[in-house]
Amino acid sequence: MKKQRVGRCELCERVNVKLTIHHLIPREEGGAQLEKAQLCIPCHKQIHALYTNTEIAIRLTTIDRLKDDEQLKKFIRWIKKQPSTTLIRIKKSKERRWKSK
């Protein structure tokens, strides 16, 4: 079992949250050995619920670009207000569900 790290999320900046490794360029797009970010579980899930790996590789390759994305800005503003113990349910966006069909 992977050892979970606790710390500060690079996207929402909440502290004392369980962190996951997010490949800024997805592994399937050639980013296995490239830059990674430490994100809390809700932020990581939200990124992948909104965007395909191809979309992430094309335009969301840095923390700054993720923070500037309109859809993620709304989520970040909301999640920052949540306690660090909060784990939320994330659903794929309608657009993302449609693309996967």
PDB file of N, CA and C in Angstrom:
ATOM      1  N   MET A   1       0.840  -1.176   0.000  1.00  0.00           N
ATOM      2  CA  MET A   1       0.000   0.000   0.000  1.00  0.00           C
ATOM      3  C   MET A   1       0.890   1.246   0.000  1.00  0.00           C
ATOM      4  N   LYS A   2       0.502   2.249  -0.800  1.00  0.00           N
ATOM      5  CA  LYS A   2       1.267   3.487  -0.872  1.00  0.00           C
ATOM      6  C   LYS A   2       1.141   4.261   0.430  1.00  0.00           C
ATOM      7  N   LYS A   3       2.258   4.823   0.847  1.00  0.00           N
ATOM      8  CA  LYS A   3       2.250   5.672   2.038  1.00  0.00           C
ATOM      9  C   LYS A   3       1.732   7.045   1.631  1.00  0.00           C
ATOM     10  N   GLN A   4       0.682   7.516   2.293  1.00  0.00           N
ATOM     11  CA  GLN A   4       0.101   8.816   1.964  1.00  0.00           C
ATOM     12  C   GLN A   4       0.857   9.913   2.690  1.00  0.00           C
ATOM     13  N   ARG A   5       1.147  10.955   1.961  1.00  0.00           N
ATOM     14  CA  ARG A   5       1.834  12.111   2.515  1.00  0.00           C
ATOM     15  C   ARG A   5       0.797  13.170   2.885  1.00  0.00           C
ATOM     16  N   VAL A   6       1.042  13.876   3.955  1.00  0.00           N
ATOM     17  CA  VAL A   6       0.164  14.967   4.372  1.00  0.00           C
ATOM     18  C   VAL A   6       0.956  16.261   4.253  1.00  0.00           C
ATOM     19  N   GLY A   7       0.313  17.287   3.722  1.00  0.00           N
ATOM     20  CA  GLY A   7       1.006  18.560   3.558  1.00  0.00           C
ATOM     21  C   GLY A   7       0.097  19.613   2.961  1.00  0.00           C
ATOM     22  N   ARG A   8       0.683  20.504   2.142  1.00  0.00           N
ATOM     23  CA  ARG A   8      -0.033  21.630   1.536  1.00  0.00           C
ATOM     24  C   ARG A   8      -0.268  21.354   0.053  1.00  0.00           C
ATOM     25  N   CYS A   9      -1.504  21.483  -0.372  1.00  0.00           N
ATOM     26  CA  CYS A   9      -1.871  21.295  -1.777  1.00  0.00           C
ATOM     27  C   CYS A   9      -1.333  22.484  -2.581  1.00  0.00           C
ATOM     28  N   GLU A  10      -0.674  22.199  -3.690  1.00  0.00           N
ATOM     29  CA  GLU A  10      -0.109  23.258  -4.521  1.00  0.00           C
ATOM     30  C   GLU A  10      -1.180  24.026  -5.292  1.00  0.00           C
ATOM     31  N   LEU A  11      -2.365  23.468  -5.427  1.00  0.00           N
ATOM     32  CA  LEU A  11      -3.413  24.131  -6.197  1.00  0.00           C
ATOM     33  C   LEU A  11      -4.328  24.977  -5.303  1.00  0.00           C
ATOM     34  N   CYS A  12      -4.950  24.368  -4.321  1.00  0.00           N
ATOM     35  CA  CYS A  12      -5.883  25.119  -3.456  1.00  0.00           C
ATOM     36  C   CYS A  12      -5.195  25.718  -2.233  1.00  0.00           C
ATOM     37  N   GLU A  13      -3.978  25.247  -1.950  1.00  0.00           N
ATOM     38  CA  GLU A  13      -3.148  25.758  -0.856  1.00  0.00           C
ATOM     39  C   GLU A  13      -3.683  25.441   0.538  1.00  0.00           C
ATOM     40  N   ARG A  14      -4.605  24.475   0.632  1.00  0.00           N
ATOM     41  CA  ARG A  14      -5.042  24.027   1.961  1.00  0.00           C
ATOM     42  C   ARG A  14      -3.894  23.242   2.595  1.00  0.00           C
ATOM     43  N   VAL A  15      -3.808  23.276   3.918  1.00  0.00           N
ATOM     44  CA  VAL A  15      -2.735  22.575   4.628  1.00  0.00           C
ATOM     45  C   VAL A  15      -3.295  21.367   5.379  1.00  0.00           C
ATOM     46  N   ASN A  16      -2.391  20.471   5.746  1.00  0.00           N
ATOM     47  CA  ASN A  16      -2.738  19.243   6.473  1.00  0.00           C
ATOM     48  C   ASN A  16      -3.747  18.392   5.714  1.00  0.00           C
ATOM     49  N   VAL A  17      -3.559  18.278   4.401  1.00  0.00           N
ATOM     50  CA  VAL A  17      -4.419  17.440   3.567  1.00  0.00           C
ATOM     51  C   VAL A  17      -3.604  16.266   3.035  1.00  0.00           C
ATOM     52  N   LYS A  18      -4.268  15.152   2.768  1.00  0.00           N
ATOM     53  CA  LYS A  18      -3.603  14.021   2.133  1.00  0.00           C
ATOM     54  C   LYS A  18      -3.276  14.426   0.702  1.00  0.00           C
ATOM     55  N   LEU A  19      -2.051  14.141   0.285  1.00  0.00           N
ATOM     56  CA  LEU A  19      -1.595  14.569  -1.034  1.00  0.00           C
ATOM     57  C   LEU A  19      -1.445  13.401  -1.991  1.00  0.00           C
ATOM     58  N   THR A  20      -1.652  13.692  -3.256  1.00  0.00           N
ATOM     59  CA  THR A  20      -1.418  12.739  -4.331  1.00  0.00           C
ATOM     60  C   THR A  20      -0.477  13.400  -5.328  1.00  0.00           C
ATOM     61  N   ILE A  21       0.159  12.585  -6.145  1.00  0.00           N
ATOM     62  CA  ILE A  21       1.063  13.117  -7.165  1.00  0.00           C
ATOM     63  C   ILE A  21       0.286  13.291  -8.458  1.00  0.00           C
ATOM     64  N   HIS A  22       0.318  14.506  -8.984  1.00  0.00           N
ATOM     65  CA  HIS A  22      -0.322  14.811 -10.269  1.00  0.00           C
ATOM     66  C   HIS A  22       0.778  15.082 -11.283  1.00  0.00           C
ATOM     67  N   HIS A  23       0.799  14.311 -12.367  1.00  0.00           N
ATOM     68  CA  HIS A  23       1.749  14.555 -13.452  1.00  0.00           C
ATOM     69  C   HIS A  23       1.225  15.732 -14.262  1.00  0.00           C
ATOM     70  N   LEU A  24       1.980  16.825 -14.308  1.00  0.00           N
ATOM     71  CA  LEU A  24       1.521  18.018 -15.019  1.00  0.00           C
ATOM     72  C   LEU A  24       1.321  17.734 -16.502  1.00  0.00           C
ATOM     73  N   ILE A  25       2.132  16.846 -17.053  1.00  0.00           N
ATOM     74  CA  ILE A  25       1.858  16.277 -18.375  1.00  0.00           C
ATOM     75  C   ILE A  25       1.556  14.808 -18.090  1.00  0.00           C
ATOM     76  N   PRO A  26       0.340  14.353 -18.378  1.00  0.00           N
ATOM     77  CA  PRO A  26      -0.054  12.983 -18.023  1.00  0.00           C
ATOM     78  C   PRO A  26       0.917  11.924 -18.553  1.00  0.00           C
ATOM     79  N   ARG A  27       1.051  10.847 -17.805  1.00  0.00           N
ATOM     80  CA  ARG A  27       1.964   9.766 -18.187  1.00  0.00           C
ATOM     81  C   ARG A  27       1.661   9.239 -19.576  1.00  0.00           C
ATOM     82  N   GLU A  28       0.388   9.075 -19.896  1.00  0.00           N
ATOM     83  CA  GLU A  28       0.045   8.524 -21.215  1.00  0.00           C
ATOM     84  C   GLU A  28       0.364   9.491 -22.355  1.00  0.00           C
ATOM     85  N   GLU A  29       0.656  10.734 -22.010  1.00  0.00           N
ATOM     86  CA  GLU A  29       1.037  11.735 -23.008  1.00  0.00           C
ATOM     87  C   GLU A  29       2.545  11.982 -22.974  1.00  0.00           C
ATOM     88  N   GLY A  30       3.284  11.094 -22.308  1.00  0.00           N
ATOM     89  CA  GLY A  30       4.742  11.187 -22.287  1.00  0.00           C
ATOM     90  C   GLY A  30       5.328  11.911 -21.094  1.00  0.00           C
ATOM     91  N   GLY A  31       4.557  12.137 -20.058  1.00  0.00           N
ATOM     92  CA  GLY A  31       5.032  12.928 -18.928  1.00  0.00           C
ATOM     93  C   GLY A  31       5.462  12.149 -17.702  1.00  0.00           C
ATOM     94  N   ALA A  32       5.735  10.851 -17.844  1.00  0.00           N
ATOM     95  CA  ALA A  32       6.064  10.026 -16.676  1.00  0.00           C
ATOM     96  C   ALA A  32       7.265  10.556 -15.895  1.00  0.00           C
ATOM     97  N   GLN A  33       8.273  11.051 -16.589  1.00  0.00           N
ATOM     98  CA  GLN A  33       9.491  11.516 -15.925  1.00  0.00           C
ATOM     99  C   GLN A  33       9.565  13.035 -15.821  1.00  0.00           C
ATOM    100  N   LEU A  34       8.499  13.725 -16.189  1.00  0.00           N
ATOM    101  CA  LEU A  34       8.504  15.184 -16.172  1.00  0.00           C
ATOM    102  C   LEU A  34       7.949  15.725 -14.857  1.00  0.00           C
ATOM    103  N   GLU A  35       7.735  17.035 -14.794  1.00  0.00           N
ATOM    104  CA  GLU A  35       7.297  17.695 -13.556  1.00  0.00           C
ATOM    105  C   GLU A  35       6.007  17.123 -12.986  1.00  0.00           C
ATOM    106  N   LYS A  36       5.976  17.124 -11.660  1.00  0.00           N
ATOM    107  CA  LYS A  36       4.802  16.645 -10.928  1.00  0.00           C
ATOM    108  C   LYS A  36       4.410  17.701  -9.908  1.00  0.00           C
ATOM    109  N   ALA A  37       3.168  17.619  -9.442  1.00  0.00           N
ATOM    110  CA  ALA A  37       2.682  18.533  -8.406  1.00  0.00           C
ATOM    111  C   ALA A  37       2.046  17.712  -7.294  1.00  0.00           C
ATOM    112  N   GLN A  38       2.115  18.219  -6.081  1.00  0.00           N
ATOM    113  CA  GLN A  38       1.485  17.589  -4.928  1.00  0.00           C
ATOM    114  C   GLN A  38       0.114  18.229  -4.741  1.00  0.00           C
ATOM    115  N   LEU A  39      -0.936  17.457  -5.021  1.00  0.00           N
ATOM    116  CA  LEU A  39      -2.299  17.981  -4.929  1.00  0.00           C
ATOM    117  C   LEU A  39      -3.118  17.182  -3.929  1.00  0.00           C
ATOM    118  N   CYS A  40      -4.076  17.857  -3.294  1.00  0.00           N
ATOM    119  CA  CYS A  40      -5.004  17.137  -2.421  1.00  0.00           C
ATOM    120  C   CYS A  40      -5.909  16.277  -3.311  1.00  0.00           C
ATOM    121  N   ILE A  41      -6.523  15.302  -2.725  1.00  0.00           N
ATOM    122  CA  ILE A  41      -7.355  14.366  -3.480  1.00  0.00           C
ATOM    123  C   ILE A  41      -8.495  15.076  -4.221  1.00  0.00           C
ATOM    124  N   PRO A  42      -9.252  15.983  -3.573  1.00  0.00           N
ATOM    125  CA  PRO A  42     -10.337  16.652  -4.309  1.00  0.00           C
ATOM    126  C   PRO A  42      -9.854  17.455  -5.524  1.00  0.00           C
ATOM    127  N   CYS A  43      -8.758  18.187  -5.379  1.00  0.00           N
ATOM    128  CA  CYS A  43      -8.247  18.972  -6.518  1.00  0.00           C
ATOM    129  C   CYS A  43      -7.822  18.053  -7.660  1.00  0.00           C
ATOM    130  N   HIS A  44      -7.113  16.980  -7.319  1.00  0.00           N
ATOM    131  CA  HIS A  44      -6.645  16.041  -8.335  1.00  0.00           C
ATOM    132  C   HIS A  44      -7.830  15.409  -9.077  1.00  0.00           C
ATOM    133  N   LYS A  45      -8.820  14.974  -8.319  1.00  0.00           N
ATOM    134  CA  LYS A  45      -9.995  14.361  -8.943  1.00  0.00           C
ATOM    135  C   LYS A  45     -10.755  15.362  -9.811  1.00  0.00           C
ATOM    136  N   GLN A  46     -10.847  16.609  -9.359  1.00  0.00           N
ATOM    137  CA  GLN A  46     -11.578  17.625 -10.120  1.00  0.00           C
ATOM    138  C   GLN A  46     -10.920  17.883 -11.476  1.00  0.00           C
ATOM    139  N   ILE A  47      -9.613  17.954 -11.512  1.00  0.00           N
ATOM    140  CA  ILE A  47      -8.898  18.171 -12.778  1.00  0.00           C
ATOM    141  C   ILE A  47      -9.259  17.073 -13.769  1.00  0.00           C
ATOM    142  N   HIS A  48      -9.170  15.824 -13.312  1.00  0.00           N
ATOM    143  CA  HIS A  48      -9.427  14.699 -14.216  1.00  0.00           C
ATOM    144  C   HIS A  48     -10.913  14.505 -14.512  1.00  0.00           C
ATOM    145  N   ALA A  49     -11.780  15.058 -13.691  1.00  0.00           N
ATOM    146  CA  ALA A  49     -13.219  15.007 -13.977  1.00  0.00           C
ATOM    147  C   ALA A  49     -13.593  16.016 -15.055  1.00  0.00           C
ATOM    148  N   LEU A  50     -12.866  17.118 -15.109  1.00  0.00           N
ATOM    149  CA  LEU A  50     -13.182  18.172 -16.074  1.00  0.00           C
ATOM    150  C   LEU A  50     -12.509  17.985 -17.427  1.00  0.00           C
ATOM    151  N   TYR A  51     -11.311  17.417 -17.424  1.00  0.00           N
ATOM    152  CA  TYR A  51     -10.507  17.407 -18.648  1.00  0.00           C
ATOM    153  C   TYR A  51      -9.936  16.032 -18.964  1.00  0.00           C
ATOM    154  N   THR A  52      -9.782  15.771 -20.250  1.00  0.00           N
ATOM    155  CA  THR A  52      -9.118  14.545 -20.693  1.00  0.00           C
ATOM    156  C   THR A  52      -7.613  14.731 -20.519  1.00  0.00           C
ATOM    157  N   ASN A  53      -6.871  13.640 -20.547  1.00  0.00           N
ATOM    158  CA  ASN A  53      -5.417  13.734 -20.437  1.00  0.00           C
ATOM    159  C   ASN A  53      -4.823  14.524 -21.594  1.00  0.00           C
ATOM    160  N   THR A  54      -5.425  14.412 -22.765  1.00  0.00           N
ATOM    161  CA  THR A  54      -4.943  15.172 -23.919  1.00  0.00           C
ATOM    162  C   THR A  54      -5.116  16.666 -23.682  1.00  0.00           C
ATOM    163  N   GLU A  55      -6.270  17.074 -23.166  1.00  0.00           N
ATOM    164  CA  GLU A  55      -6.504  18.494 -22.872  1.00  0.00           C
ATOM    165  C   GLU A  55      -5.523  19.004 -21.821  1.00  0.00           C
ATOM    166  N   ILE A  56      -5.269  18.183 -20.813  1.00  0.00           N
ATOM    167  CA  ILE A  56      -4.326  18.572 -19.765  1.00  0.00           C
ATOM    168  C   ILE A  56      -2.939  18.760 -20.366  1.00  0.00           C
ATOM    169  N   ALA A  57      -2.518  17.828 -21.216  1.00  0.00           N
ATOM    170  CA  ALA A  57      -1.185  17.894 -21.825  1.00  0.00           C
ATOM    171  C   ALA A  57      -1.026  19.096 -22.744  1.00  0.00           C
ATOM    172  N   ILE A  58      -2.103  19.513 -23.390  1.00  0.00           N
ATOM    173  CA  ILE A  58      -2.024  20.623 -24.339  1.00  0.00           C
ATOM    174  C   ILE A  58      -2.012  21.977 -23.639  1.00  0.00           C
ATOM    175  N   ARG A  59      -2.870  22.174 -22.633  1.00  0.00           N
ATOM    176  CA  ARG A  59      -2.999  23.536 -22.114  1.00  0.00           C
ATOM    177  C   ARG A  59      -2.933  23.720 -20.606  1.00  0.00           C
ATOM    178  N   LEU A  60      -2.844  22.653 -19.845  1.00  0.00           N
ATOM    179  CA  LEU A  60      -2.835  22.799 -18.379  1.00  0.00           C
ATOM    180  C   LEU A  60      -1.584  22.154 -17.780  1.00  0.00           C
ATOM    181  N   THR A  61      -0.417  22.573 -18.259  1.00  0.00           N
ATOM    182  CA  THR A  61       0.839  21.903 -17.921  1.00  0.00           C
ATOM    183  C   THR A  61       1.611  22.534 -16.762  1.00  0.00           C
ATOM    184  N   THR A  62       1.053  23.557 -16.141  1.00  0.00           N
ATOM    185  CA  THR A  62       1.704  24.165 -14.971  1.00  0.00           C
ATOM    186  C   THR A  62       0.650  24.454 -13.904  1.00  0.00           C
ATOM    187  N   ILE A  63       1.109  24.644 -12.692  1.00  0.00           N
ATOM    188  CA  ILE A  63       0.194  25.006 -11.604  1.00  0.00           C
ATOM    189  C   ILE A  63      -0.473  26.341 -11.913  1.00  0.00           C
ATOM    190  N   ASP A  64       0.289  27.298 -12.446  1.00  0.00           N
ATOM    191  CA  ASP A  64      -0.288  28.611 -12.775  1.00  0.00           C
ATOM    192  C   ASP A  64      -1.398  28.498 -13.809  1.00  0.00           C
ATOM    193  N   ARG A  65      -1.203  27.655 -14.816  1.00  0.00           N
ATOM    194  CA  ARG A  65      -2.252  27.471 -15.830  1.00  0.00           C
ATOM    195  C   ARG A  65      -3.480  26.802 -15.228  1.00  0.00           C
ATOM    196  N   LEU A  66      -3.262  25.863 -14.332  1.00  0.00           N
ATOM    197  CA  LEU A  66      -4.395  25.223 -13.657  1.00  0.00           C
ATOM    198  C   LEU A  66      -5.159  26.248 -12.826  1.00  0.00           C
ATOM    199  N   LYS A  67      -4.424  27.094 -12.100  1.00  0.00           N
ATOM    200  CA  LYS A  67      -5.066  28.118 -11.261  1.00  0.00           C
ATOM    201  C   LYS A  67      -5.810  29.157 -12.090  1.00  0.00           C
ATOM    202  N   ASP A  68      -5.365  29.402 -13.319  1.00  0.00           N
ATOM    203  CA  ASP A  68      -5.994  30.409 -14.181  1.00  0.00           C
ATOM    204  C   ASP A  68      -7.176  29.873 -14.983  1.00  0.00           C
ATOM    205  N   ASP A  69      -7.371  28.560 -14.987  1.00  0.00           N
ATOM    206  CA  ASP A  69      -8.472  27.968 -15.737  1.00  0.00           C
ATOM    207  C   ASP A  69      -9.803  28.358 -15.095  1.00  0.00           C
ATOM    208  N   GLU A  70     -10.739  28.830 -15.915  1.00  0.00           N
ATOM    209  CA  GLU A  70     -12.020  29.343 -15.401  1.00  0.00           C
ATOM    210  C   GLU A  70     -12.802  28.306 -14.597  1.00  0.00           C
ATOM    211  N   GLN A  71     -12.905  27.081 -15.109  1.00  0.00           N
ATOM    212  CA  GLN A  71     -13.678  26.061 -14.391  1.00  0.00           C
ATOM    213  C   GLN A  71     -13.006  25.682 -13.070  1.00  0.00           C
ATOM    214  N   LEU A  72     -11.685  25.592 -13.077  1.00  0.00           N
ATOM    215  CA  LEU A  72     -10.981  25.239 -11.847  1.00  0.00           C
ATOM    216  C   LEU A  72     -10.974  26.383 -10.836  1.00  0.00           C
ATOM    217  N   LYS A  73     -10.975  27.627 -11.308  1.00  0.00           N
ATOM    218  CA  LYS A  73     -11.000  28.781 -10.393  1.00  0.00           C
ATOM    219  C   LYS A  73     -12.199  28.704  -9.459  1.00  0.00           C
ATOM    220  N   LYS A  74     -13.358  28.384 -10.017  1.00  0.00           N
ATOM    221  CA  LYS A  74     -14.582  28.285  -9.213  1.00  0.00           C
ATOM    222  C   LYS A  74     -14.440  27.199  -8.149  1.00  0.00           C
ATOM    223  N   PHE A  75     -13.914  26.053  -8.582  1.00  0.00           N
ATOM    224  CA  PHE A  75     -13.732  24.938  -7.656  1.00  0.00           C
ATOM    225  C   PHE A  75     -12.731  25.305  -6.564  1.00  0.00           C
ATOM    226  N   ILE A  76     -11.612  25.910  -6.937  1.00  0.00           N
ATOM    227  CA  ILE A  76     -10.571  26.278  -5.971  1.00  0.00           C
ATOM    228  C   ILE A  76     -11.115  27.264  -4.944  1.00  0.00           C
ATOM    229  N   ARG A  77     -11.863  28.250  -5.420  1.00  0.00           N
ATOM    230  CA  ARG A  77     -12.462  29.231  -4.508  1.00  0.00           C
ATOM    231  C   ARG A  77     -13.343  28.522  -3.472  1.00  0.00           C
ATOM    232  N   TRP A  78     -14.110  27.521  -3.921  1.00  0.00           N
ATOM    233  CA  TRP A  78     -15.003  26.785  -3.023  1.00  0.00           C
ATOM    234  C   TRP A  78     -14.220  25.859  -2.089  1.00  0.00           C
ATOM    235  N   ILE A  79     -13.295  25.077  -2.625  1.00  0.00           N
ATOM    236  CA  ILE A  79     -12.594  24.066  -1.816  1.00  0.00           C
ATOM    237  C   ILE A  79     -11.715  24.719  -0.753  1.00  0.00           C
ATOM    238  N   LYS A  80     -11.204  25.915  -1.015  1.00  0.00           N
ATOM    239  CA  LYS A  80     -10.380  26.617  -0.020  1.00  0.00           C
ATOM    240  C   LYS A  80     -11.141  26.849   1.283  1.00  0.00           C
ATOM    241  N   LYS A  81     -12.453  26.964   1.193  1.00  0.00           N
ATOM    242  CA  LYS A  81     -13.289  27.229   2.371  1.00  0.00           C
ATOM    243  C   LYS A  81     -13.624  25.955   3.148  1.00  0.00           C
ATOM    244  N   GLN A  82     -13.303  24.798   2.577  1.00  0.00           N
ATOM    245  CA  GLN A  82     -13.651  23.527   3.205  1.00  0.00           C
ATOM    246  C   GLN A  82     -12.549  23.088   4.165  1.00  0.00           C
ATOM    247  N   PRO A  83     -12.913  22.413   5.261  1.00  0.00           N
ATOM    248  CA  PRO A  83     -11.894  21.899   6.181  1.00  0.00           C
ATOM    249  C   PRO A  83     -11.005  20.874   5.477  1.00  0.00           C
ATOM    250  N   SER A  84      -9.787  20.742   5.963  1.00  0.00           N
ATOM    251  CA  SER A  84      -8.833  19.830   5.322  1.00  0.00           C
ATOM    252  C   SER A  84      -9.271  18.373   5.400  1.00  0.00           C
ATOM    253  N   THR A  85     -10.171  18.055   6.302  1.00  0.00           N
ATOM    254  CA  THR A  85     -10.646  16.674   6.442  1.00  0.00           C
ATOM    255  C   THR A  85     -11.753  16.341   5.444  1.00  0.00           C
ATOM    256  N   THR A  86     -12.249  17.341   4.735  1.00  0.00           N
ATOM    257  CA  THR A  86     -13.363  17.135   3.812  1.00  0.00           C
ATOM    258  C   THR A  86     -12.916  16.407   2.557  1.00  0.00           C
ATOM    259  N   LEU A  87     -13.528  15.266   2.305  1.00  0.00           N
ATOM    260  CA  LEU A  87     -13.360  14.563   1.034  1.00  0.00           C
ATOM    261  C   LEU A  87     -14.710  14.646   0.337  1.00  0.00           C
ATOM    262  N   ILE A  88     -14.697  15.102  -0.882  1.00  0.00           N
ATOM    263  CA  ILE A  88     -15.959  15.325  -1.579  1.00  0.00           C
ATOM    264  C   ILE A  88     -16.119  14.354  -2.733  1.00  0.00           C
ATOM    265  N   ARG A  89     -17.357  14.191  -3.159  1.00  0.00           N
ATOM    266  CA  ARG A  89     -17.653  13.370  -4.333  1.00  0.00           C
ATOM    267  C   ARG A  89     -17.484  14.220  -5.571  1.00  0.00           C
ATOM    268  N   ILE A  90     -16.771  13.697  -6.519  1.00  0.00           N
ATOM    269  CA  ILE A  90     -16.534  14.412  -7.769  1.00  0.00           C
ATOM    270  C   ILE A  90     -17.163  13.602  -8.897  1.00  0.00           C
ATOM    271  N   LYS A  91     -17.940  14.281  -9.722  1.00  0.00           N
ATOM    272  CA  LYS A  91     -18.518  13.635 -10.903  1.00  0.00           C
ATOM    273  C   LYS A  91     -17.866  14.232 -12.137  1.00  0.00           C
ATOM    274  N   LYS A  92     -17.722  13.412 -13.165  1.00  0.00           N
ATOM    275  CA  LYS A  92     -17.209  13.937 -14.427  1.00  0.00           C
ATOM    276  C   LYS A  92     -18.179  14.981 -14.954  1.00  0.00           C
ATOM    277  N   SER A  93     -17.640  16.010 -15.580  1.00  0.00           N
ATOM    278  CA  SER A  93     -18.499  17.033 -16.171  1.00  0.00           C
ATOM    279  C   SER A  93     -19.290  16.416 -17.318  1.00  0.00           C
ATOM    280  N   LYS A  94     -20.415  17.015 -17.659  1.00  0.00           N
ATOM    281  CA  LYS A  94     -21.226  16.508 -18.773  1.00  0.00           C
ATOM    282  C   LYS A  94     -20.404  16.453 -20.049  1.00  0.00           C
ATOM    283  N   GLU A  95     -19.603  17.479 -20.270  1.00  0.00           N
ATOM    284  CA  GLU A  95     -18.763  17.531 -21.469  1.00  0.00           C
ATOM    285  C   GLU A  95     -17.756  16.386 -21.479  1.00  0.00           C
ATOM    286  N   ARG A  96     -17.147  16.105 -20.341  1.00  0.00           N
ATOM    287  CA  ARG A  96     -16.142  15.034 -20.228  1.00  0.00           C
ATOM    288  C   ARG A  96     -16.805  13.676 -20.398  1.00  0.00           C
ATOM    289  N   ARG A  97     -18.016  13.494 -19.832  1.00  0.00           N
ATOM    290  CA  ARG A  97     -18.735  12.221 -19.994  1.00  0.00           C
ATOM    291  C   ARG A  97     -19.051  11.986 -21.454  1.00  0.00           C
ATOM    292  N   TRP A  98     -19.436  13.048 -22.150  1.00  0.00           N
ATOM    293  CA  TRP A  98     -19.786  12.935 -23.559  1.00  0.00           C
ATOM    294  C   TRP A  98     -18.559  12.555 -24.383  1.00  0.00           C
ATOM    295  N   LYS A  99     -17.391  13.110 -24.065  1.00  0.00           N
ATOM    296  CA  LYS A  99     -16.161  12.829 -24.805  1.00  0.00           C
ATOM    297  C   LYS A  99     -15.711  11.393 -24.636  1.00  0.00           C
ATOM    298  N   SER A 100     -15.995  10.791 -23.489  1.00  0.00           N
ATOM    299  CA  SER A 100     -15.529   9.429 -23.241  1.00  0.00           C
ATOM    300  C   SER A 100     -16.402   8.368 -23.903  1.00  0.00           C
ATOM    301  N   LYS A 101     -17.506   8.783 -24.522  1.00  0.00           N
ATOM    302  CA  LYS A 101     -18.395   7.812 -25.185  1.00  0.00           C
ATOM    303  C   LYS A 101     -17.937   7.525 -26.588  1.00  0.00           C
TER     304      LYS A 101
END
